[in-house]
Full PDB file with SEQRES, HELIX, SHEET, SSBOND, CRYST1, ORIGX, SCALE, CONECT and MASTER records, all heavy atoms in Angstrom:
SEQRES   1 A   41  THR ILE SER ARG ASP SER ALA LYS ASN THR VAL TYR LEU          
SEQRES   2 A   41  GLN MET ASN SER LEU LYS SER GLU ASP THR ALA VAL TYR          
SEQRES   3 A   41  TYR CYS SER PHE HIS ILE GLY THR SER TYR TYR TRP GLY          
SEQRES   4 A   41  GLN GLY                                                      
HELIX    1 AA1 SER A    6  LYS A    8  5                                   3    
HELIX    2 AA2 SER A   20  ASP A   22  5                                   3    
SHEET    1 AA1 2 ILE A   2  ASP A   5  0                                        
SHEET    2 AA1 2 THR A  10  LEU A  13 -1                                        
SHEET    1 AA2 2 SER A  29  ILE A  32  0                                        
SHEET    2 AA2 2 SER A  35  TRP A  38 -1                                        
CRYST1    1.000    1.000    1.000  90.00  90.00  90.00 P 1           1          
ORIGX1      1.000000  0.000000  0.000000        0.00000                         
ORIGX2      0.000000  1.000000  0.000000        0.00000                         
ORIGX3      0.000000  0.000000  1.000000        0.00000                         
SCALE1      1.000000  0.000000  0.000000        0.00000                         
SCALE2      0.000000  1.000000  0.000000        0.00000                         
SCALE3      0.000000  0.000000  1.000000        0.00000                         
ATOM      1  N   THR A   1     117.266  80.992  98.260  1.00  0.00           N  
ATOM      2  CA  THR A   1     118.133  81.976  98.886  1.00  0.00           C  
ATOM      3  C   THR A   1     117.297  82.922  99.698  1.00  0.00           C  
ATOM      4  O   THR A   1     116.398  83.482  99.211  1.00  0.00           O  
ATOM      5  CB  THR A   1     118.939  82.804  97.789  1.00  0.00           C  
ATOM      6  OG1 THR A   1     119.677  81.856  96.996  1.00  0.00           O  
ATOM      7  CG2 THR A   1     119.824  83.795  98.457  1.00  0.00           C  
ATOM      8  N   ILE A   2     117.736  83.054 101.004  1.00  0.00           N  
ATOM      9  CA  ILE A   2     117.066  84.020 101.856  1.00  0.00           C  
ATOM     10  C   ILE A   2     117.877  85.306 101.911  1.00  0.00           C  
ATOM     11  O   ILE A   2     119.124  85.278 101.888  1.00  0.00           O  
ATOM     12  CB  ILE A   2     116.841  83.394 103.282  1.00  0.00           C  
ATOM     13  CG1 ILE A   2     115.951  84.287 104.123  1.00  0.00           C  
ATOM     14  CG2 ILE A   2     118.134  83.148 103.994  1.00  0.00           C  
ATOM     15  CD1 ILE A   2     115.530  83.643 105.428  1.00  0.00           C  
ATOM     16  N   SER A   3     117.231  86.367 101.951  1.00  0.00           N  
ATOM     17  CA  SER A   3     117.866  87.724 102.057  1.00  0.00           C  
ATOM     18  C   SER A   3     116.952  88.651 102.885  1.00  0.00           C  
ATOM     19  O   SER A   3     115.824  88.375 103.112  1.00  0.00           O  
ATOM     20  CB  SER A   3     118.217  88.274 100.670  1.00  0.00           C  
ATOM     21  OG  SER A   3     117.046  88.479  99.903  1.00  0.00           O  
ATOM     22  N   ARG A   4     117.548  89.775 103.175  1.00  0.00           N  
ATOM     23  CA  ARG A   4     116.756  90.725 103.989  1.00  0.00           C  
ATOM     24  C   ARG A   4     117.017  92.193 103.558  1.00  0.00           C  
ATOM     25  O   ARG A   4     118.140  92.425 103.027  1.00  0.00           O  
ATOM     26  CB  ARG A   4     117.012  90.506 105.461  1.00  0.00           C  
ATOM     27  CG  ARG A   4     118.392  91.110 105.910  1.00  0.00           C  
ATOM     28  CD  ARG A   4     118.768  90.646 107.285  1.00  0.00           C  
ATOM     29  NE  ARG A   4     119.847  91.413 107.860  1.00  0.00           N  
ATOM     30  CZ  ARG A   4     121.138  91.291 107.531  1.00  0.00           C  
ATOM     31  NH1 ARG A   4     121.450  90.456 106.517  1.00  0.00           N  
ATOM     32  NH2 ARG A   4     122.044  92.035 108.062  1.00  0.00           N  
ATOM     33  N   ASP A   5     116.102  93.081 103.826  1.00  0.00           N  
ATOM     34  CA  ASP A   5     116.328  94.498 103.763  1.00  0.00           C  
ATOM     35  C   ASP A   5     116.022  95.036 105.089  1.00  0.00           C  
ATOM     36  O   ASP A   5     114.832  95.241 105.457  1.00  0.00           O  
ATOM     37  CB  ASP A   5     115.417  95.063 102.683  1.00  0.00           C  
ATOM     38  CG  ASP A   5     115.678  96.562 102.385  1.00  0.00           C  
ATOM     39  OD1 ASP A   5     116.150  97.198 103.352  1.00  0.00           O  
ATOM     40  OD2 ASP A   5     115.426  97.042 101.299  1.00  0.00           O  
ATOM     41  N   SER A   6     117.069  95.276 105.886  1.00  0.00           N  
ATOM     42  CA  SER A   6     116.853  95.740 107.314  1.00  0.00           C  
ATOM     43  C   SER A   6     116.122  97.097 107.388  1.00  0.00           C  
ATOM     44  O   SER A   6     115.340  97.331 108.255  1.00  0.00           O  
ATOM     45  CB  SER A   6     118.201  95.849 108.000  1.00  0.00           C  
ATOM     46  OG  SER A   6     118.823  94.540 108.014  1.00  0.00           O  
ATOM     47  N   ALA A   7     116.427  97.997 106.374  1.00  0.00           N  
ATOM     48  CA  ALA A   7     115.767  99.268 106.412  1.00  0.00           C  
ATOM     49  C   ALA A   7     114.242  99.188 106.205  1.00  0.00           C  
ATOM     50  O   ALA A   7     113.509 100.010 106.727  1.00  0.00           O  
ATOM     51  CB  ALA A   7     116.336 100.168 105.337  1.00  0.00           C  
ATOM     52  N   LYS A   8     113.851  98.150 105.581  1.00  0.00           N  
ATOM     53  CA  LYS A   8     112.403  97.978 105.286  1.00  0.00           C  
ATOM     54  C   LYS A   8     111.790  96.873 106.156  1.00  0.00           C  
ATOM     55  O   LYS A   8     110.650  96.494 106.022  1.00  0.00           O  
ATOM     56  CB  LYS A   8     112.198  97.508 103.777  1.00  0.00           C  
ATOM     57  CG  LYS A   8     112.601  98.624 102.826  1.00  0.00           C  
ATOM     58  CD  LYS A   8     112.367  98.101 101.367  1.00  0.00           C  
ATOM     59  CE  LYS A   8     112.743  99.244 100.390  1.00  0.00           C  
ATOM     60  NZ  LYS A   8     112.512  98.813  98.944  1.00  0.00           N  
ATOM     61  N   ASN A   9     112.586  96.344 107.046  1.00  0.00           N  
ATOM     62  CA  ASN A   9     112.086  95.204 107.957  1.00  0.00           C  
ATOM     63  C   ASN A   9     111.431  94.101 107.039  1.00  0.00           C  
ATOM     64  O   ASN A   9     110.295  93.618 107.391  1.00  0.00           O  
ATOM     65  CB  ASN A   9     111.117  95.729 109.031  1.00  0.00           C  
ATOM     66  CG  ASN A   9     111.784  96.619 110.012  1.00  0.00           C  
ATOM     67  OD1 ASN A   9     112.927  96.394 110.398  1.00  0.00           O  
ATOM     68  ND2 ASN A   9     111.130  97.685 110.350  1.00  0.00           N  
ATOM     69  N   THR A  10     112.134  93.693 106.024  1.00  0.00           N  
ATOM     70  CA  THR A  10     111.593  92.757 105.064  1.00  0.00           C  
ATOM     71  C   THR A  10     112.568  91.639 104.916  1.00  0.00           C  
ATOM     72  O   THR A  10     113.766  91.862 104.728  1.00  0.00           O  
ATOM     73  CB  THR A  10     111.224  93.464 103.745  1.00  0.00           C  
ATOM     74  OG1 THR A  10     110.243  94.523 103.940  1.00  0.00           O  
ATOM     75  CG2 THR A  10     110.671  92.502 102.742  1.00  0.00           C  
ATOM     76  N   VAL A  11     111.957  90.452 104.746  1.00  0.00           N  
ATOM     77  CA  VAL A  11     112.755  89.250 104.446  1.00  0.00           C  
ATOM     78  C   VAL A  11     112.254  88.633 103.144  1.00  0.00           C  
ATOM     79  O   VAL A  11     110.999  88.725 102.864  1.00  0.00           O  
ATOM     80  CB  VAL A  11     112.770  88.233 105.540  1.00  0.00           C  
ATOM     81  CG1 VAL A  11     111.363  87.667 105.784  1.00  0.00           C  
ATOM     82  CG2 VAL A  11     113.777  87.102 105.332  1.00  0.00           C  
ATOM     83  N   TYR A  12     113.122  88.104 102.351  1.00  0.00           N  
ATOM     84  CA  TYR A  12     112.790  87.590 101.059  1.00  0.00           C  
ATOM     85  C   TYR A  12     113.224  86.072 100.964  1.00  0.00           C  
ATOM     86  O   TYR A  12     114.125  85.687 101.650  1.00  0.00           O  
ATOM     87  CB  TYR A  12     113.411  88.329  99.895  1.00  0.00           C  
ATOM     88  CG  TYR A  12     113.178  89.812  99.922  1.00  0.00           C  
ATOM     89  CD1 TYR A  12     114.148  90.688 100.474  1.00  0.00           C  
ATOM     90  CD2 TYR A  12     112.054  90.372  99.319  1.00  0.00           C  
ATOM     91  CE1 TYR A  12     113.848  92.050 100.522  1.00  0.00           C  
ATOM     92  CE2 TYR A  12     111.865  91.747  99.394  1.00  0.00           C  
ATOM     93  CZ  TYR A  12     112.734  92.571  99.968  1.00  0.00           C  
ATOM     94  OH  TYR A  12     112.472  93.873  99.978  1.00  0.00           O  
ATOM     95  N   LEU A  13     112.496  85.383 100.116  1.00  0.00           N  
ATOM     96  CA  LEU A  13     112.927  84.027  99.847  1.00  0.00           C  
ATOM     97  C   LEU A  13     112.857  83.807  98.304  1.00  0.00           C  
ATOM     98  O   LEU A  13     111.801  83.789  97.725  1.00  0.00           O  
ATOM     99  CB  LEU A  13     112.042  82.969 100.564  1.00  0.00           C  
ATOM    100  CG  LEU A  13     112.501  81.515 100.373  1.00  0.00           C  
ATOM    101  CD1 LEU A  13     113.835  81.287 101.037  1.00  0.00           C  
ATOM    102  CD2 LEU A  13     111.448  80.578 100.902  1.00  0.00           C  
ATOM    103  N   GLN A  14     114.055  83.724  97.669  1.00  0.00           N  
ATOM    104  CA  GLN A  14     114.100  83.512  96.246  1.00  0.00           C  
ATOM    105  C   GLN A  14     114.136  81.985  96.028  1.00  0.00           C  
ATOM    106  O   GLN A  14     115.020  81.283  96.576  1.00  0.00           O  
ATOM    107  CB  GLN A  14     115.308  84.069  95.643  1.00  0.00           C  
ATOM    108  CG  GLN A  14     115.538  83.794  94.161  1.00  0.00           C  
ATOM    109  CD  GLN A  14     114.469  84.460  93.312  1.00  0.00           C  
ATOM    110  OE1 GLN A  14     114.055  85.646  93.538  1.00  0.00           O  
ATOM    111  NE2 GLN A  14     113.932  83.644  92.316  1.00  0.00           N  
ATOM    112  N   MET A  15     113.125  81.476  95.366  1.00  0.00           N  
ATOM    113  CA  MET A  15     112.988  80.005  95.200  1.00  0.00           C  
ATOM    114  C   MET A  15     113.176  79.683  93.678  1.00  0.00           C  
ATOM    115  O   MET A  15     112.390  80.124  92.866  1.00  0.00           O  
ATOM    116  CB  MET A  15     111.622  79.542  95.603  1.00  0.00           C  
ATOM    117  CG  MET A  15     111.354  79.889  97.063  1.00  0.00           C  
ATOM    118  SD  MET A  15     109.827  79.224  97.725  1.00  0.00           S  
ATOM    119  CE  MET A  15     108.610  80.019  96.716  1.00  0.00           C  
ATOM    120  N   ASN A  16     114.243  78.907  93.357  1.00  0.00           N  
ATOM    121  CA  ASN A  16     114.512  78.556  91.976  1.00  0.00           C  
ATOM    122  C   ASN A  16     114.433  77.020  91.849  1.00  0.00           C  
ATOM    123  O   ASN A  16     114.422  76.309  92.803  1.00  0.00           O  
ATOM    124  CB  ASN A  16     115.899  78.969  91.616  1.00  0.00           C  
ATOM    125  CG  ASN A  16     116.094  80.489  91.715  1.00  0.00           C  
ATOM    126  OD1 ASN A  16     115.149  81.245  91.418  1.00  0.00           O  
ATOM    127  ND2 ASN A  16     117.293  80.960  91.997  1.00  0.00           N  
ATOM    128  N   SER A  17     114.338  76.562  90.594  1.00  0.00           N  
ATOM    129  CA  SER A  17     114.266  75.071  90.341  1.00  0.00           C  
ATOM    130  C   SER A  17     113.206  74.449  91.140  1.00  0.00           C  
ATOM    131  O   SER A  17     113.471  73.385  91.695  1.00  0.00           O  
ATOM    132  CB  SER A  17     115.621  74.520  90.560  1.00  0.00           C  
ATOM    133  OG  SER A  17     116.616  75.121  89.748  1.00  0.00           O  
ATOM    134  N   LEU A  18     112.003  75.055  91.186  1.00  0.00           N  
ATOM    135  CA  LEU A  18     110.980  74.566  92.041  1.00  0.00           C  
ATOM    136  C   LEU A  18     110.455  73.163  91.602  1.00  0.00           C  
ATOM    137  O   LEU A  18     110.449  72.818  90.427  1.00  0.00           O  
ATOM    138  CB  LEU A  18     109.775  75.494  92.098  1.00  0.00           C  
ATOM    139  CG  LEU A  18     110.015  76.761  92.939  1.00  0.00           C  
ATOM    140  CD1 LEU A  18     109.116  77.830  92.569  1.00  0.00           C  
ATOM    141  CD2 LEU A  18     109.901  76.383  94.379  1.00  0.00           C  
ATOM    142  N   LYS A  19     110.149  72.353  92.570  1.00  0.00           N  
ATOM    143  CA  LYS A  19     109.730  71.002  92.381  1.00  0.00           C  
ATOM    144  C   LYS A  19     108.382  70.868  92.926  1.00  0.00           C  
ATOM    145  O   LYS A  19     107.921  71.658  93.718  1.00  0.00           O  
ATOM    146  CB  LYS A  19     110.639  69.976  93.083  1.00  0.00           C  
ATOM    147  CG  LYS A  19     112.141  70.144  92.670  1.00  0.00           C  
ATOM    148  CD  LYS A  19     112.981  69.217  93.434  1.00  0.00           C  
ATOM    149  CE  LYS A  19     114.488  69.349  93.160  1.00  0.00           C  
ATOM    150  NZ  LYS A  19     115.292  68.367  93.922  1.00  0.00           N  
ATOM    151  N   SER A  20     107.646  69.829  92.488  1.00  0.00           N  
ATOM    152  CA  SER A  20     106.253  69.577  93.026  1.00  0.00           C  
ATOM    153  C   SER A  20     106.263  69.415  94.538  1.00  0.00           C  
ATOM    154  O   SER A  20     105.281  69.827  95.186  1.00  0.00           O  
ATOM    155  CB  SER A  20     105.674  68.347  92.327  1.00  0.00           C  
ATOM    156  OG  SER A  20     106.441  67.242  92.569  1.00  0.00           O  
ATOM    157  N   GLU A  21     107.285  68.827  95.051  1.00  0.00           N  
ATOM    158  CA  GLU A  21     107.349  68.613  96.470  1.00  0.00           C  
ATOM    159  C   GLU A  21     107.570  69.946  97.278  1.00  0.00           C  
ATOM    160  O   GLU A  21     107.507  69.925  98.515  1.00  0.00           O  
ATOM    161  CB  GLU A  21     108.433  67.650  96.882  1.00  0.00           C  
ATOM    162  CG  GLU A  21     109.760  67.910  96.289  1.00  0.00           C  
ATOM    163  CD  GLU A  21     110.074  67.045  95.025  1.00  0.00           C  
ATOM    164  OE1 GLU A  21     109.167  67.033  94.204  1.00  0.00           O  
ATOM    165  OE2 GLU A  21     111.191  66.539  94.911  1.00  0.00           O  
ATOM    166  N   ASP A  22     107.803  71.061  96.573  1.00  0.00           N  
ATOM    167  CA  ASP A  22     107.885  72.310  97.255  1.00  0.00           C  
ATOM    168  C   ASP A  22     106.519  73.007  97.482  1.00  0.00           C  
ATOM    169  O   ASP A  22     106.420  73.993  98.124  1.00  0.00           O  
ATOM    170  CB  ASP A  22     108.741  73.311  96.437  1.00  0.00           C  
ATOM    171  CG  ASP A  22     110.240  72.866  96.328  1.00  0.00           C  
ATOM    172  OD1 ASP A  22     110.785  72.403  97.358  1.00  0.00           O  
ATOM    173  OD2 ASP A  22     110.775  73.023  95.273  1.00  0.00           O  
ATOM    174  N   THR A  23     105.527  72.318  96.955  1.00  0.00           N  
ATOM    175  CA  THR A  23     104.157  72.861  97.152  1.00  0.00           C  
ATOM    176  C   THR A  23     103.758  72.843  98.647  1.00  0.00           C  
ATOM    177  O   THR A  23     103.854  71.803  99.312  1.00  0.00           O  
ATOM    178  CB  THR A  23     103.156  71.884  96.344  1.00  0.00           C  
ATOM    179  OG1 THR A  23     103.391  72.061  94.935  1.00  0.00           O  
ATOM    180  CG2 THR A  23     101.687  72.387  96.655  1.00  0.00           C  
ATOM    181  N   ALA A  24     103.398  73.940  99.102  1.00  0.00           N  
ATOM    182  CA  ALA A  24     103.092  74.122 100.510  1.00  0.00           C  
ATOM    183  C   ALA A  24     102.617  75.549 100.802  1.00  0.00           C  
ATOM    184  O   ALA A  24     102.638  76.402 100.006  1.00  0.00           O  
ATOM    185  CB  ALA A  24     104.379  73.849 101.366  1.00  0.00           C  
ATOM    186  N   VAL A  25     102.144  75.706 102.000  1.00  0.00           N  
ATOM    187  CA  VAL A  25     101.955  77.134 102.460  1.00  0.00           C  
ATOM    188  C   VAL A  25     103.196  77.547 103.183  1.00  0.00           C  
ATOM    189  O   VAL A  25     103.709  76.890 104.059  1.00  0.00           O  
ATOM    190  CB  VAL A  25     100.705  77.165 103.447  1.00  0.00           C  
ATOM    191  CG1 VAL A  25     100.572  78.599 103.932  1.00  0.00           C  
ATOM    192  CG2 VAL A  25      99.519  76.721 102.749  1.00  0.00           C  
ATOM    193  N   TYR A  26     103.684  78.699 102.783  1.00  0.00           N  
ATOM    194  CA  TYR A  26     104.973  79.159 103.258  1.00  0.00           C  
ATOM    195  C   TYR A  26     104.668  80.325 104.300  1.00  0.00           C  
ATOM    196  O   TYR A  26     103.853  81.260 104.008  1.00  0.00           O  
ATOM    197  CB  TYR A  26     105.877  79.762 102.142  1.00  0.00           C  
ATOM    198  CG  TYR A  26     106.500  78.624 101.401  1.00  0.00           C  
ATOM    199  CD1 TYR A  26     105.752  77.816 100.513  1.00  0.00           C  
ATOM    200  CD2 TYR A  26     107.808  78.317 101.512  1.00  0.00           C  
ATOM    201  CE1 TYR A  26     106.329  76.777  99.846  1.00  0.00           C  
ATOM    202  CE2 TYR A  26     108.491  77.337 100.843  1.00  0.00           C  
ATOM    203  CZ  TYR A  26     107.673  76.536  99.974  1.00  0.00           C  
ATOM    204  OH  TYR A  26     108.289  75.506  99.326  1.00  0.00           O  
ATOM    205  N   TYR A  27     105.225  80.207 105.439  1.00  0.00           N  
ATOM    206  CA  TYR A  27     105.057  81.198 106.512  1.00  0.00           C  
ATOM    207  C   TYR A  27     106.394  81.913 106.861  1.00  0.00           C  
ATOM    208  O   TYR A  27     107.465  81.250 106.953  1.00  0.00           O  
ATOM    209  CB  TYR A  27     104.548  80.539 107.814  1.00  0.00           C  
ATOM    210  CG  TYR A  27     103.254  79.866 107.694  1.00  0.00           C  
ATOM    211  CD1 TYR A  27     103.132  78.513 107.249  1.00  0.00           C  
ATOM    212  CD2 TYR A  27     102.063  80.459 107.991  1.00  0.00           C  
ATOM    213  CE1 TYR A  27     101.974  77.872 107.188  1.00  0.00           C  
ATOM    214  CE2 TYR A  27     100.853  79.846 107.876  1.00  0.00           C  
ATOM    215  CZ  TYR A  27     100.764  78.532 107.473  1.00  0.00           C  
ATOM    216  OH  TYR A  27      99.524  77.969 107.391  1.00  0.00           O  
ATOM    217  N   CYS A  28     106.289  83.177 107.075  1.00  0.00           N  
ATOM    218  CA  CYS A  28     107.525  83.914 107.535  1.00  0.00           C  
ATOM    219  C   CYS A  28     107.387  84.106 109.027  1.00  0.00           C  
ATOM    220  O   CYS A  28     106.237  84.097 109.636  1.00  0.00           O  
ATOM    221  CB  CYS A  28     107.649  85.254 106.839  1.00  0.00           C  
ATOM    222  SG  CYS A  28     106.173  86.394 107.043  1.00  0.00           S  
ATOM    223  N   SER A  29     108.515  84.261 109.644  1.00  0.00           N  
ATOM    224  CA  SER A  29     108.600  84.393 111.118  1.00  0.00           C  
ATOM    225  C   SER A  29     109.702  85.296 111.459  1.00  0.00           C  
ATOM    226  O   SER A  29     110.761  85.225 110.827  1.00  0.00           O  
ATOM    227  CB  SER A  29     108.771  83.071 111.814  1.00  0.00           C  
ATOM    228  OG  SER A  29     108.897  83.198 113.164  1.00  0.00           O  
ATOM    229  N   PHE A  30     109.409  86.254 112.387  1.00  0.00           N  
ATOM    230  CA  PHE A  30     110.450  87.137 112.891  1.00  0.00           C  
ATOM    231  C   PHE A  30     110.640  86.853 114.407  1.00  0.00           C  
ATOM    232  O   PHE A  30     109.673  86.770 115.150  1.00  0.00           O  
ATOM    233  CB  PHE A  30     110.014  88.616 112.753  1.00  0.00           C  
ATOM    234  CG  PHE A  30     110.195  89.154 111.356  1.00  0.00           C  
ATOM    235  CD1 PHE A  30     109.938  88.476 110.246  1.00  0.00           C  
ATOM    236  CD2 PHE A  30     110.648  90.478 111.244  1.00  0.00           C  
ATOM    237  CE1 PHE A  30     110.101  88.981 109.043  1.00  0.00           C  
ATOM    238  CE2 PHE A  30     110.858  91.046 109.963  1.00  0.00           C  
ATOM    239  CZ  PHE A  30     110.563  90.301 108.906  1.00  0.00           C  
ATOM    240  N   HIS A  31     111.903  86.845 114.801  1.00  0.00           N  
ATOM    241  CA  HIS A  31     112.201  86.772 116.237  1.00  0.00           C  
ATOM    242  C   HIS A  31     112.645  88.153 116.680  1.00  0.00           C  
ATOM    243  O   HIS A  31     113.692  88.588 116.240  1.00  0.00           O  
ATOM    244  CB  HIS A  31     113.331  85.726 116.451  1.00  0.00           C  
ATOM    245  CG  HIS A  31     113.740  85.574 117.886  1.00  0.00           C  
ATOM    246  ND1 HIS A  31     114.952  85.017 118.217  1.00  0.00           N  
ATOM    247  CD2 HIS A  31     113.084  85.869 119.030  1.00  0.00           C  
ATOM    248  CE1 HIS A  31     114.970  85.040 119.596  1.00  0.00           C  
ATOM    249  NE2 HIS A  31     113.879  85.538 120.050  1.00  0.00           N  
ATOM    250  N   ILE A  32     111.756  88.808 117.387  1.00  0.00           N  
ATOM    251  CA  ILE A  32     111.997  90.144 117.806  1.00  0.00           C  
ATOM    252  C   ILE A  32     112.018  90.284 119.368  1.00  0.00           C  
ATOM    253  O   ILE A  32     110.981  89.866 119.959  1.00  0.00           O  
ATOM    254  CB  ILE A  32     110.877  91.112 117.267  1.00  0.00           C  
ATOM    255  CG1 ILE A  32     110.856  91.062 115.752  1.00  0.00           C  
ATOM    256  CG2 ILE A  32     111.141  92.545 117.779  1.00  0.00           C  
ATOM    257  CD1 ILE A  32     109.730  91.799 115.096  1.00  0.00           C  
ATOM    258  N   GLY A  33     113.109  90.662 119.898  1.00  0.00           N  
ATOM    259  CA  GLY A  33     113.209  90.621 121.358  1.00  0.00           C  
ATOM    260  C   GLY A  33     113.122  89.261 121.879  1.00  0.00           C  
ATOM    261  O   GLY A  33     113.870  88.364 121.469  1.00  0.00           O  
ATOM    262  N   THR A  34     112.159  89.002 122.713  1.00  0.00           N  
ATOM    263  CA  THR A  34     111.952  87.679 123.204  1.00  0.00           C  
ATOM    264  C   THR A  34     110.701  86.994 122.686  1.00  0.00           C  
ATOM    265  O   THR A  34     110.228  85.945 123.191  1.00  0.00           O  
ATOM    266  CB  THR A  34     111.774  87.750 124.789  1.00  0.00           C  
ATOM    267  OG1 THR A  34     110.630  88.575 125.084  1.00  0.00           O  
ATOM    268  CG2 THR A  34     113.036  88.300 125.451  1.00  0.00           C  
ATOM    269  N   SER A  35     110.145  87.550 121.578  1.00  0.00           N  
ATOM    270  CA  SER A  35     108.903  87.022 121.033  1.00  0.00           C  
ATOM    271  C   SER A  35     109.095  86.610 119.567  1.00  0.00           C  
ATOM    272  O   SER A  35     109.950  87.096 118.908  1.00  0.00           O  
ATOM    273  CB  SER A  35     107.754  88.086 121.103  1.00  0.00           C  
ATOM    274  OG  SER A  35     107.503  88.510 122.412  1.00  0.00           O  
ATOM    275  N   TYR A  36     108.262  85.668 119.226  1.00  0.00           N  
ATOM    276  CA  TYR A  36     108.160  85.204 117.798  1.00  0.00           C  
ATOM    277  C   TYR A  36     106.884  85.641 117.139  1.00  0.00           C  
ATOM    278  O   TYR A  36     105.812  85.504 117.787  1.00  0.00           O  
ATOM    279  CB  TYR A  36     108.325  83.691 117.710  1.00  0.00           C  
ATOM    280  CG  TYR A  36     109.682  83.196 118.018  1.00  0.00           C  
ATOM    281  CD1 TYR A  36     110.069  82.935 119.364  1.00  0.00           C  
ATOM    282  CD2 TYR A  36     110.629  82.989 117.032  1.00  0.00           C  
ATOM    283  CE1 TYR A  36     111.313  82.478 119.663  1.00  0.00           C  
ATOM    284  CE2 TYR A  36     111.893  82.486 117.311  1.00  0.00           C  
ATOM    285  CZ  TYR A  36     112.241  82.245 118.654  1.00  0.00           C  
ATOM    286  OH  TYR A  36     113.526  81.869 118.955  1.00  0.00           O  
ATOM    287  N   TYR A  37     106.913  86.135 115.932  1.00  0.00           N  
ATOM    288  CA  TYR A  37     105.777  86.603 115.275  1.00  0.00           C  
ATOM    289  C   TYR A  37     105.654  85.860 113.917  1.00  0.00           C  
ATOM    290  O   TYR A  37     106.720  85.536 113.290  1.00  0.00           O  
ATOM    291  CB  TYR A  37     105.848  88.097 114.951  1.00  0.00           C  
ATOM    292  CG  TYR A  37     105.923  88.958 116.225  1.00  0.00           C  
ATOM    293  CD1 TYR A  37     107.119  89.263 116.811  1.00  0.00           C  
ATOM    294  CD2 TYR A  37     104.748  89.381 116.862  1.00  0.00           C  
ATOM    295  CE1 TYR A  37     107.249  89.930 118.021  1.00  0.00           C  
ATOM    296  CE2 TYR A  37     104.823  90.150 118.050  1.00  0.00           C  
ATOM    297  CZ  TYR A  37     106.089  90.395 118.646  1.00  0.00           C  
ATOM    298  OH  TYR A  37     106.095  91.157 119.774  1.00  0.00           O  
ATOM    299  N   TRP A  38     104.478  85.578 113.480  1.00  0.00           N  
ATOM    300  CA  TRP A  38     104.213  84.825 112.271  1.00  0.00           C  
ATOM    301  C   TRP A  38     103.342  85.565 111.295  1.00  0.00           C  
ATOM    302  O   TRP A  38     102.403  86.273 111.679  1.00  0.00           O  
ATOM    303  CB  TRP A  38     103.500  83.508 112.596  1.00  0.00           C  
ATOM    304  CG  TRP A  38     104.403  82.611 113.408  1.00  0.00           C  
ATOM    305  CD1 TRP A  38     104.564  82.465 114.784  1.00  0.00           C  
ATOM    306  CD2 TRP A  38     105.292  81.540 112.888  1.00  0.00           C  
ATOM    307  NE1 TRP A  38     105.409  81.540 115.086  1.00  0.00           N  
ATOM    308  CE2 TRP A  38     105.862  80.945 114.004  1.00  0.00           C  
ATOM    309  CE3 TRP A  38     105.583  81.118 111.616  1.00  0.00           C  
ATOM    310  CZ2 TRP A  38     106.824  79.866 113.760  1.00  0.00           C  
ATOM    311  CZ3 TRP A  38     106.470  80.034 111.396  1.00  0.00           C  
ATOM    312  CH2 TRP A  38     107.075  79.479 112.515  1.00  0.00           C  
ATOM    313  N   GLY A  39     103.681  85.403 109.994  1.00  0.00           N  
ATOM    314  CA  GLY A  39     102.822  85.904 108.950  1.00  0.00           C  
ATOM    315  C   GLY A  39     101.652  84.995 108.704  1.00  0.00           C  
ATOM    316  O   GLY A  39     101.517  83.892 109.266  1.00  0.00           O  
ATOM    317  N   GLN A  40     100.814  85.393 107.805  1.00  0.00           N  
ATOM    318  CA  GLN A  40      99.531  84.719 107.592  1.00  0.00           C  
ATOM    319  C   GLN A  40      99.700  83.492 106.697  1.00  0.00           C  
ATOM    320  O   GLN A  40      98.794  82.680 106.551  1.00  0.00           O  
ATOM    321  CB  GLN A  40      98.499  85.647 106.974  1.00  0.00           C  
ATOM    322  CG  GLN A  40      98.518  85.872 105.480  1.00  0.00           C  
ATOM    323  CD  GLN A  40      99.651  86.785 105.093  1.00  0.00           C  
ATOM    324  OE1 GLN A  40     100.475  87.223 105.835  1.00  0.00           O  
ATOM    325  NE2 GLN A  40      99.632  87.114 103.763  1.00  0.00           N  
ATOM    326  N   GLY A  41     100.860  83.351 105.986  1.00  0.00           N  
ATOM    327  CA  GLY A  41     101.102  82.270 105.099  1.00  0.00           C  
ATOM    328  C   GLY A  41     100.781  82.678 103.727  1.00  0.00           C  
ATOM    329  O   GLY A  41      99.732  83.412 103.384  1.00  0.00           O  
TER     330      GLY A  41                                                      
MASTER        0    0    0    2    4    0    0    6  329    1    0    4          
END                                                                             
């Protein structure tokens, strides 16, 4: 489940029932104006 707190400019990802195939590096991305920004993973 993805959710956000607009006041804090924060996005969340609640991950349940995790499986081995969910193993990965997860990156967040924001589309602000005409640009895309990425977190460090």
